[in-house]
Amino acid sequence: MKFVIGFLFWVRALSLPTDTIRIAHGGISDHADVSVANSIAWCFQQYGEGHVYELTSGTRYSVGSSLELPAGATLTGGGMQSTVCAGAGMDNQSMIRMNDDSTVKDITVDAGRIATVGIDSQYTIGTTIENCRVISTKNDFSAAAYAAIDSHLIDISGATNAVVTGCTLQNAGCNPIENWESWGAATNNYGNGICAGRAVNVLIDDCVIDQTL
């Protein structure tokens, strides 16, 4: 019995964050550019899974392509003081893509009416999205495009054991097929705040949908 308990504790310890990687803005124009030292994407590649990545500058970190959060890692903005915002190149993409057992918390994600998804946790296991503000997914493409693309502030479709809690969701991009009255307007489409189709064993709790920025 002693051996079994010790083994389980060791396995659990491996899954816990081991270090906090603090990421300053540093005047970087594209924090998704893995070739730029000390960008968010560069830090993800350098340090990998199981760490806490903290945005420390309390400002807007622009990204020109999706950020791929490593498995078991946490991305935090320190009380939503830091913002990950869409830059050039984010058209029809997801701002932050999560992997298994990862967490996004205390951060603002501004899709800028460019990206189609703010936080993307599709078909993952054990992810947590906590105390985030996610705003302004894409709202200006044709009805035909929705056959292949949809617009959601948070997408947990197909996820297992996912948690979304304490989040504020504002100005979701509108699907003109489902909600034509809001098409082209700067108001929130309630149906596209969180997509949870085919998700299994998920908790969505204490979230606010607000159409006023």
C-alpha atoms as a PDB file:
ATOM      1  CA  MET A   1       0.000   0.000   0.000  1.00  0.00           C
ATOM      2  CA  LYS A   2       2.828   2.416   0.835  1.00  0.00           C
ATOM      3  CA  PHE A   3       4.344   1.838  -2.585  1.00  0.00           C
ATOM      4  CA  VAL A   4       1.075   2.543  -4.387  1.00  0.00           C
ATOM      5  CA  ILE A   5       0.458   5.809  -2.509  1.00  0.00           C
ATOM      6  CA  GLY A   6       3.986   6.999  -3.186  1.00  0.00           C
ATOM      7  CA  PHE A   7       3.702   6.173  -6.868  1.00  0.00           C
ATOM      8  CA  LEU A   8       0.436   8.066  -7.267  1.00  0.00           C
ATOM      9  CA  PHE A   9       1.894  11.122  -5.547  1.00  0.00           C
ATOM     10  CA  TRP A  10       4.901  11.080  -7.878  1.00  0.00           C
ATOM     11  CA  VAL A  11       2.729  10.928 -10.995  1.00  0.00           C
ATOM     12  CA  ARG A  12       0.584  13.820  -9.754  1.00  0.00           C
ATOM     13  CA  ALA A  13       3.663  15.895  -8.962  1.00  0.00           C
ATOM     14  CA  LEU A  14       4.854  15.572 -12.538  1.00  0.00           C
ATOM     15  CA  SER A  15       1.612  17.152 -13.786  1.00  0.00           C
ATOM     16  CA  LEU A  16       1.841  20.256 -11.604  1.00  0.00           C
ATOM     17  CA  PRO A  17       3.368  23.512 -12.856  1.00  0.00           C
ATOM     18  CA  THR A  18       7.031  23.611 -11.841  1.00  0.00           C
ATOM     19  CA  ASP A  19       7.984  27.214 -12.647  1.00  0.00           C
ATOM     20  CA  THR A  20       6.404  30.565 -13.366  1.00  0.00           C
ATOM     21  CA  ILE A  21       7.648  32.080 -16.625  1.00  0.00           C
ATOM     22  CA  ARG A  22       7.061  35.837 -16.527  1.00  0.00           C
ATOM     23  CA  ILE A  23       6.552  37.432 -19.936  1.00  0.00           C
ATOM     24  CA  ALA A  24       6.896  41.198 -20.325  1.00  0.00           C
ATOM     25  CA  HIS A  25       5.524  42.982 -23.373  1.00  0.00           C
ATOM     26  CA  GLY A  26       9.006  44.070 -24.363  1.00  0.00           C
ATOM     27  CA  GLY A  27       7.874  46.153 -27.326  1.00  0.00           C
ATOM     28  CA  ILE A  28       7.255  42.973 -29.357  1.00  0.00           C
ATOM     29  CA  SER A  29       4.865  43.602 -32.251  1.00  0.00           C
ATOM     30  CA  ASP A  30       3.765  39.963 -32.675  1.00  0.00           C
ATOM     31  CA  HIS A  31       3.824  37.756 -29.586  1.00  0.00           C
ATOM     32  CA  ALA A  32       2.812  34.743 -31.702  1.00  0.00           C
ATOM     33  CA  ASP A  33       6.088  34.911 -33.648  1.00  0.00           C
ATOM     34  CA  VAL A  34       8.103  31.982 -32.308  1.00  0.00           C
ATOM     35  CA  SER A  35      11.292  33.380 -33.861  1.00  0.00           C
ATOM     36  CA  VAL A  36      11.216  36.471 -31.629  1.00  0.00           C
ATOM     37  CA  ALA A  37      13.001  35.897 -28.323  1.00  0.00           C
ATOM     38  CA  ASN A  38      10.832  36.369 -25.233  1.00  0.00           C
ATOM     39  CA  SER A  39       7.562  36.487 -27.173  1.00  0.00           C
ATOM     40  CA  ILE A  40       4.719  34.401 -25.749  1.00  0.00           C
ATOM     41  CA  ALA A  41       5.083  31.807 -28.508  1.00  0.00           C
ATOM     42  CA  TRP A  42       8.868  31.690 -28.057  1.00  0.00           C
ATOM     43  CA  CYS A  43       8.432  31.043 -24.328  1.00  0.00           C
ATOM     44  CA  PHE A  44       5.909  28.281 -25.019  1.00  0.00           C
ATOM     45  CA  GLN A  45       8.416  26.596 -27.327  1.00  0.00           C
ATOM     46  CA  GLN A  46      11.403  27.097 -25.028  1.00  0.00           C
ATOM     47  CA  TYR A  47       9.836  25.930 -21.769  1.00  0.00           C
ATOM     48  CA  GLY A  48       6.986  23.683 -22.914  1.00  0.00           C
ATOM     49  CA  GLU A  49       4.460  21.801 -20.825  1.00  0.00           C
ATOM     50  CA  GLY A  50       3.528  22.133 -17.175  1.00  0.00           C
ATOM     51  CA  HIS A  51       4.565  25.724 -16.457  1.00  0.00           C
ATOM     52  CA  VAL A  52       2.697  28.888 -15.460  1.00  0.00           C
ATOM     53  CA  TYR A  53       3.097  31.635 -18.071  1.00  0.00           C
ATOM     54  CA  GLU A  54       2.297  35.041 -16.586  1.00  0.00           C
ATOM     55  CA  LEU A  55       1.858  38.176 -18.683  1.00  0.00           C
ATOM     56  CA  THR A  56       3.300  40.868 -16.466  1.00  0.00           C
ATOM     57  CA  SER A  57       3.051  44.155 -18.368  1.00  0.00           C
ATOM     58  CA  GLY A  58      -0.649  44.941 -17.841  1.00  0.00           C
ATOM     59  CA  THR A  59      -1.014  45.969 -21.482  1.00  0.00           C
ATOM     60  CA  ARG A  60      -2.053  44.610 -24.906  1.00  0.00           C
ATOM     61  CA  TYR A  61      -0.027  41.728 -26.336  1.00  0.00           C
ATOM     62  CA  SER A  62      -0.745  41.568 -30.067  1.00  0.00           C
ATOM     63  CA  VAL A  63      -0.690  38.203 -31.866  1.00  0.00           C
ATOM     64  CA  GLY A  64      -0.710  37.620 -35.615  1.00  0.00           C
ATOM     65  CA  SER A  65      -1.510  33.894 -35.447  1.00  0.00           C
ATOM     66  CA  SER A  66      -2.871  31.395 -32.945  1.00  0.00           C
ATOM     67  CA  LEU A  67      -1.080  30.852 -29.640  1.00  0.00           C
ATOM     68  CA  GLU A  68      -0.735  27.119 -28.854  1.00  0.00           C
ATOM     69  CA  LEU A  69      -0.807  26.728 -25.049  1.00  0.00           C
ATOM     70  CA  PRO A  70       1.217  23.626 -24.090  1.00  0.00           C
ATOM     71  CA  ALA A  71      -0.457  20.717 -22.293  1.00  0.00           C
ATOM     72  CA  GLY A  72      -0.607  21.074 -18.529  1.00  0.00           C
ATOM     73  CA  ALA A  73       0.375  24.750 -18.705  1.00  0.00           C
ATOM     74  CA  THR A  74      -1.383  27.843 -17.358  1.00  0.00           C
ATOM     75  CA  LEU A  75      -1.586  31.209 -19.135  1.00  0.00           C
ATOM     76  CA  THR A  76      -2.522  34.022 -16.771  1.00  0.00           C
ATOM     77  CA  GLY A  77      -2.732  37.781 -17.017  1.00  0.00           C
ATOM     78  CA  GLY A  78      -2.707  38.682 -13.336  1.00  0.00           C
ATOM     79  CA  GLY A  79      -6.293  39.775 -12.689  1.00  0.00           C
ATOM     80  CA  MET A  80      -7.217  40.546 -16.312  1.00  0.00           C
ATOM     81  CA  GLN A  81      -4.761  43.437 -16.407  1.00  0.00           C
ATOM     82  CA  SER A  82      -3.132  41.996 -19.534  1.00  0.00           C
ATOM     83  CA  THR A  83      -4.862  41.505 -22.891  1.00  0.00           C
ATOM     84  CA  VAL A  84      -4.087  39.171 -25.774  1.00  0.00           C
ATOM     85  CA  CYS A  85      -5.403  41.006 -28.841  1.00  0.00           C
ATOM     86  CA  ALA A  86      -5.765  40.136 -32.514  1.00  0.00           C
ATOM     87  CA  GLY A  87      -3.217  41.623 -34.876  1.00  0.00           C
ATOM     88  CA  ALA A  88      -2.747  41.371 -38.618  1.00  0.00           C
ATOM     89  CA  GLY A  89      -2.973  37.784 -39.800  1.00  0.00           C
ATOM     90  CA  MET A  90      -5.560  36.591 -37.273  1.00  0.00           C
ATOM     91  CA  ASP A  91      -8.389  36.497 -39.826  1.00  0.00           C
ATOM     92  CA  ASN A  92     -10.635  33.431 -39.299  1.00  0.00           C
ATOM     93  CA  GLN A  93      -8.326  31.939 -36.651  1.00  0.00           C
ATOM     94  CA  SER A  94      -8.540  31.055 -32.964  1.00  0.00           C
ATOM     95  CA  MET A  95      -6.704  33.421 -30.621  1.00  0.00           C
ATOM     96  CA  ILE A  96      -5.619  30.843 -28.027  1.00  0.00           C
ATOM     97  CA  ARG A  97      -5.669  27.088 -28.654  1.00  0.00           C
ATOM     98  CA  MET A  98      -5.586  24.970 -25.520  1.00  0.00           C
ATOM     99  CA  ASN A  99      -4.203  21.463 -25.019  1.00  0.00           C
ATOM    100  CA  ASP A 100      -5.072  18.779 -22.461  1.00  0.00           C
ATOM    101  CA  ASP A 101      -4.998  19.804 -18.777  1.00  0.00           C
ATOM    102  CA  SER A 102      -4.175  23.424 -19.617  1.00  0.00           C
ATOM    103  CA  THR A 103      -5.673  26.536 -17.995  1.00  0.00           C
ATOM    104  CA  VAL A 104      -6.347  30.091 -19.141  1.00  0.00           C
ATOM    105  CA  LYS A 105      -7.199  32.476 -16.316  1.00  0.00           C
ATOM    106  CA  ASP A 106      -7.328  36.126 -15.276  1.00  0.00           C
ATOM    107  CA  ILE A 107      -6.836  37.479 -18.779  1.00  0.00           C
ATOM    108  CA  THR A 108      -8.661  39.477 -21.447  1.00  0.00           C
ATOM    109  CA  VAL A 109      -8.826  38.079 -24.983  1.00  0.00           C
ATOM    110  CA  ASP A 110      -9.853  40.631 -27.620  1.00  0.00           C
ATOM    111  CA  ALA A 111     -10.537  39.068 -31.020  1.00  0.00           C
ATOM    112  CA  GLY A 112     -10.919  42.538 -32.547  1.00  0.00           C
ATOM    113  CA  ARG A 113     -13.670  41.381 -34.947  1.00  0.00           C
ATOM    114  CA  ILE A 114     -10.854  39.579 -36.807  1.00  0.00           C
ATOM    115  CA  ALA A 115     -10.447  36.161 -35.170  1.00  0.00           C
ATOM    116  CA  THR A 116     -13.400  33.759 -35.183  1.00  0.00           C
ATOM    117  CA  VAL A 117     -12.694  32.161 -31.779  1.00  0.00           C
ATOM    118  CA  GLY A 118     -11.305  33.765 -28.633  1.00  0.00           C
ATOM    119  CA  ILE A 119     -10.347  30.703 -26.557  1.00  0.00           C
ATOM    120  CA  ASP A 120     -10.410  27.341 -28.339  1.00  0.00           C
ATOM    121  CA  SER A 121     -10.541  24.156 -26.267  1.00  0.00           C
ATOM    122  CA  GLN A 122     -12.119  21.854 -28.826  1.00  0.00           C
ATOM    123  CA  TYR A 123     -11.663  18.092 -28.285  1.00  0.00           C
ATOM    124  CA  THR A 124      -9.365  18.505 -25.296  1.00  0.00           C
ATOM    125  CA  ILE A 125      -9.453  16.809 -21.882  1.00  0.00           C
ATOM    126  CA  GLY A 126      -9.376  18.546 -18.508  1.00  0.00           C
ATOM    127  CA  THR A 127      -9.108  22.207 -19.513  1.00  0.00           C
ATOM    128  CA  THR A 128     -10.111  25.190 -17.352  1.00  0.00           C
ATOM    129  CA  ILE A 129     -11.050  28.719 -18.462  1.00  0.00           C
ATOM    130  CA  GLU A 130     -11.415  30.916 -15.388  1.00  0.00           C
ATOM    131  CA  ASN A 131     -12.098  34.586 -14.721  1.00  0.00           C
ATOM    132  CA  CYS A 132     -11.475  35.654 -18.319  1.00  0.00           C
ATOM    133  CA  ARG A 133     -13.018  38.451 -20.374  1.00  0.00           C
ATOM    134  CA  VAL A 134     -13.436  37.402 -24.002  1.00  0.00           C
ATOM    135  CA  ILE A 135     -14.709  39.940 -26.545  1.00  0.00           C
ATOM    136  CA  SER A 136     -15.458  40.774 -30.170  1.00  0.00           C
ATOM    137  CA  THR A 137     -15.140  37.740 -32.428  1.00  0.00           C
ATOM    138  CA  LYS A 138     -15.520  38.161 -36.179  1.00  0.00           C
ATOM    139  CA  ASN A 139     -18.802  39.614 -37.420  1.00  0.00           C
ATOM    140  CA  ASP A 140     -18.334  40.627 -41.049  1.00  0.00           C
ATOM    141  CA  PHE A 141     -18.171  37.615 -43.340  1.00  0.00           C
ATOM    142  CA  SER A 142     -20.813  36.128 -45.607  1.00  0.00           C
ATOM    143  CA  ALA A 143     -23.536  33.693 -44.623  1.00  0.00           C
ATOM    144  CA  ALA A 144     -22.015  31.104 -46.954  1.00  0.00           C
ATOM    145  CA  ALA A 145     -18.792  31.107 -44.957  1.00  0.00           C
ATOM    146  CA  TYR A 146     -20.587  29.671 -41.943  1.00  0.00           C
ATOM    147  CA  ALA A 147     -20.805  26.313 -43.701  1.00  0.00           C
ATOM    148  CA  ALA A 148     -17.153  25.847 -42.741  1.00  0.00           C
ATOM    149  CA  ILE A 149     -16.473  28.588 -40.167  1.00  0.00           C
ATOM    150  CA  ASP A 150     -18.355  29.663 -37.080  1.00  0.00           C
ATOM    151  CA  SER A 151     -17.733  32.461 -34.602  1.00  0.00           C
ATOM    152  CA  HIS A 152     -17.589  31.817 -30.841  1.00  0.00           C
ATOM    153  CA  LEU A 153     -16.022  33.651 -27.933  1.00  0.00           C
ATOM    154  CA  ILE A 154     -15.212  30.314 -26.264  1.00  0.00           C
ATOM    155  CA  ASP A 155     -15.360  26.960 -28.058  1.00  0.00           C
ATOM    156  CA  ILE A 156     -15.300  23.780 -25.944  1.00  0.00           C
ATOM    157  CA  SER A 157     -17.099  21.592 -28.472  1.00  0.00           C
ATOM    158  CA  GLY A 158     -16.103  17.944 -28.175  1.00  0.00           C
ATOM    159  CA  ALA A 159     -14.156  18.608 -24.961  1.00  0.00           C
ATOM    160  CA  THR A 160     -14.225  16.272 -21.936  1.00  0.00           C
ATOM    161  CA  ASN A 161     -14.066  17.407 -18.297  1.00  0.00           C
ATOM    162  CA  ALA A 162     -13.883  21.093 -19.231  1.00  0.00           C
ATOM    163  CA  VAL A 163     -14.604  23.981 -16.838  1.00  0.00           C
ATOM    164  CA  VAL A 164     -15.610  27.526 -17.822  1.00  0.00           C
ATOM    165  CA  THR A 165     -16.184  29.685 -14.758  1.00  0.00           C
ATOM    166  CA  GLY A 166     -16.360  33.352 -13.794  1.00  0.00           C
ATOM    167  CA  CYS A 167     -15.993  34.621 -17.356  1.00  0.00           C
ATOM    168  CA  THR A 168     -17.410  37.768 -18.970  1.00  0.00           C
ATOM    169  CA  LEU A 169     -18.414  37.341 -22.616  1.00  0.00           C
ATOM    170  CA  GLN A 170     -19.022  40.418 -24.755  1.00  0.00           C
ATOM    171  CA  ASN A 171     -19.898  41.109 -28.391  1.00  0.00           C
ATOM    172  CA  ALA A 172     -19.793  37.641 -29.915  1.00  0.00           C
ATOM    173  CA  GLY A 173     -19.646  37.535 -33.692  1.00  0.00           C
ATOM    174  CA  CYS A 174     -23.066  36.944 -35.167  1.00  0.00           C
ATOM    175  CA  ASN A 175     -24.071  34.051 -37.385  1.00  0.00           C
ATOM    176  CA  PRO A 176     -26.331  35.609 -40.040  1.00  0.00           C
ATOM    177  CA  ILE A 177     -28.115  32.304 -40.633  1.00  0.00           C
ATOM    178  CA  GLU A 178     -29.096  31.770 -36.997  1.00  0.00           C
ATOM    179  CA  ASN A 179     -29.571  35.383 -35.949  1.00  0.00           C
ATOM    180  CA  TRP A 180     -30.058  37.622 -38.990  1.00  0.00           C
ATOM    181  CA  GLU A 181     -31.515  40.502 -36.958  1.00  0.00           C
ATOM    182  CA  SER A 182     -28.124  41.158 -35.326  1.00  0.00           C
ATOM    183  CA  TRP A 183     -26.065  40.687 -38.478  1.00  0.00           C
ATOM    184  CA  GLY A 184     -23.736  43.620 -38.983  1.00  0.00           C
ATOM    185  CA  ALA A 185     -24.603  45.129 -35.605  1.00  0.00           C
ATOM    186  CA  ALA A 186     -22.200  45.738 -32.737  1.00  0.00           C
ATOM    187  CA  THR A 187     -24.371  43.824 -30.313  1.00  0.00           C
ATOM    188  CA  ASN A 188     -23.840  40.461 -28.682  1.00  0.00           C
ATOM    189  CA  ASN A 189     -25.257  37.325 -30.263  1.00  0.00           C
ATOM    190  CA  TYR A 190     -26.163  35.219 -27.252  1.00  0.00           C
ATOM    191  CA  GLY A 191     -26.108  31.960 -29.213  1.00  0.00           C
ATOM    192  CA  ASN A 192     -22.420  32.275 -30.049  1.00  0.00           C
ATOM    193  CA  GLY A 193     -20.957  33.096 -26.636  1.00  0.00           C
ATOM    194  CA  ILE A 194     -19.905  29.549 -25.690  1.00  0.00           C
ATOM    195  CA  CYS A 195     -20.074  26.600 -28.076  1.00  0.00           C
ATOM    196  CA  ALA A 196     -20.290  23.288 -26.199  1.00  0.00           C
ATOM    197  CA  GLY A 197     -21.633  20.923 -28.846  1.00  0.00           C
ATOM    198  CA  ARG A 198     -20.663  17.262 -28.258  1.00  0.00           C
ATOM    199  CA  ALA A 199     -18.847  18.191 -25.040  1.00  0.00           C
ATOM    200  CA  VAL A 200     -18.922  15.617 -22.227  1.00  0.00           C
ATOM    201  CA  ASN A 201     -18.958  16.290 -18.479  1.00  0.00           C
ATOM    202  CA  VAL A 202     -18.466  20.063 -18.609  1.00  0.00           C
ATOM    203  CA  LEU A 203     -19.155  22.783 -16.043  1.00  0.00           C
ATOM    204  CA  ILE A 204     -20.178  26.282 -17.172  1.00  0.00           C
ATOM    205  CA  ASP A 205     -20.723  28.413 -14.093  1.00  0.00           C
ATOM    206  CA  ASP A 206     -21.009  32.044 -13.019  1.00  0.00           C
ATOM    207  CA  CYS A 207     -20.465  33.515 -16.475  1.00  0.00           C
ATOM    208  CA  VAL A 208     -21.897  36.855 -17.659  1.00  0.00           C
ATOM    209  CA  ILE A 209     -22.986  37.684 -21.205  1.00  0.00           C
ATOM    210  CA  ASP A 210     -22.929  41.433 -21.761  1.00  0.00           C
ATOM    211  CA  GLN A 211     -23.429  43.290 -25.045  1.00  0.00           C
ATOM    212  CA  THR A 212     -21.899  46.522 -23.769  1.00  0.00           C
ATOM    213  CA  LEU A 213     -18.135  46.985 -24.048  1.00  0.00           C
END
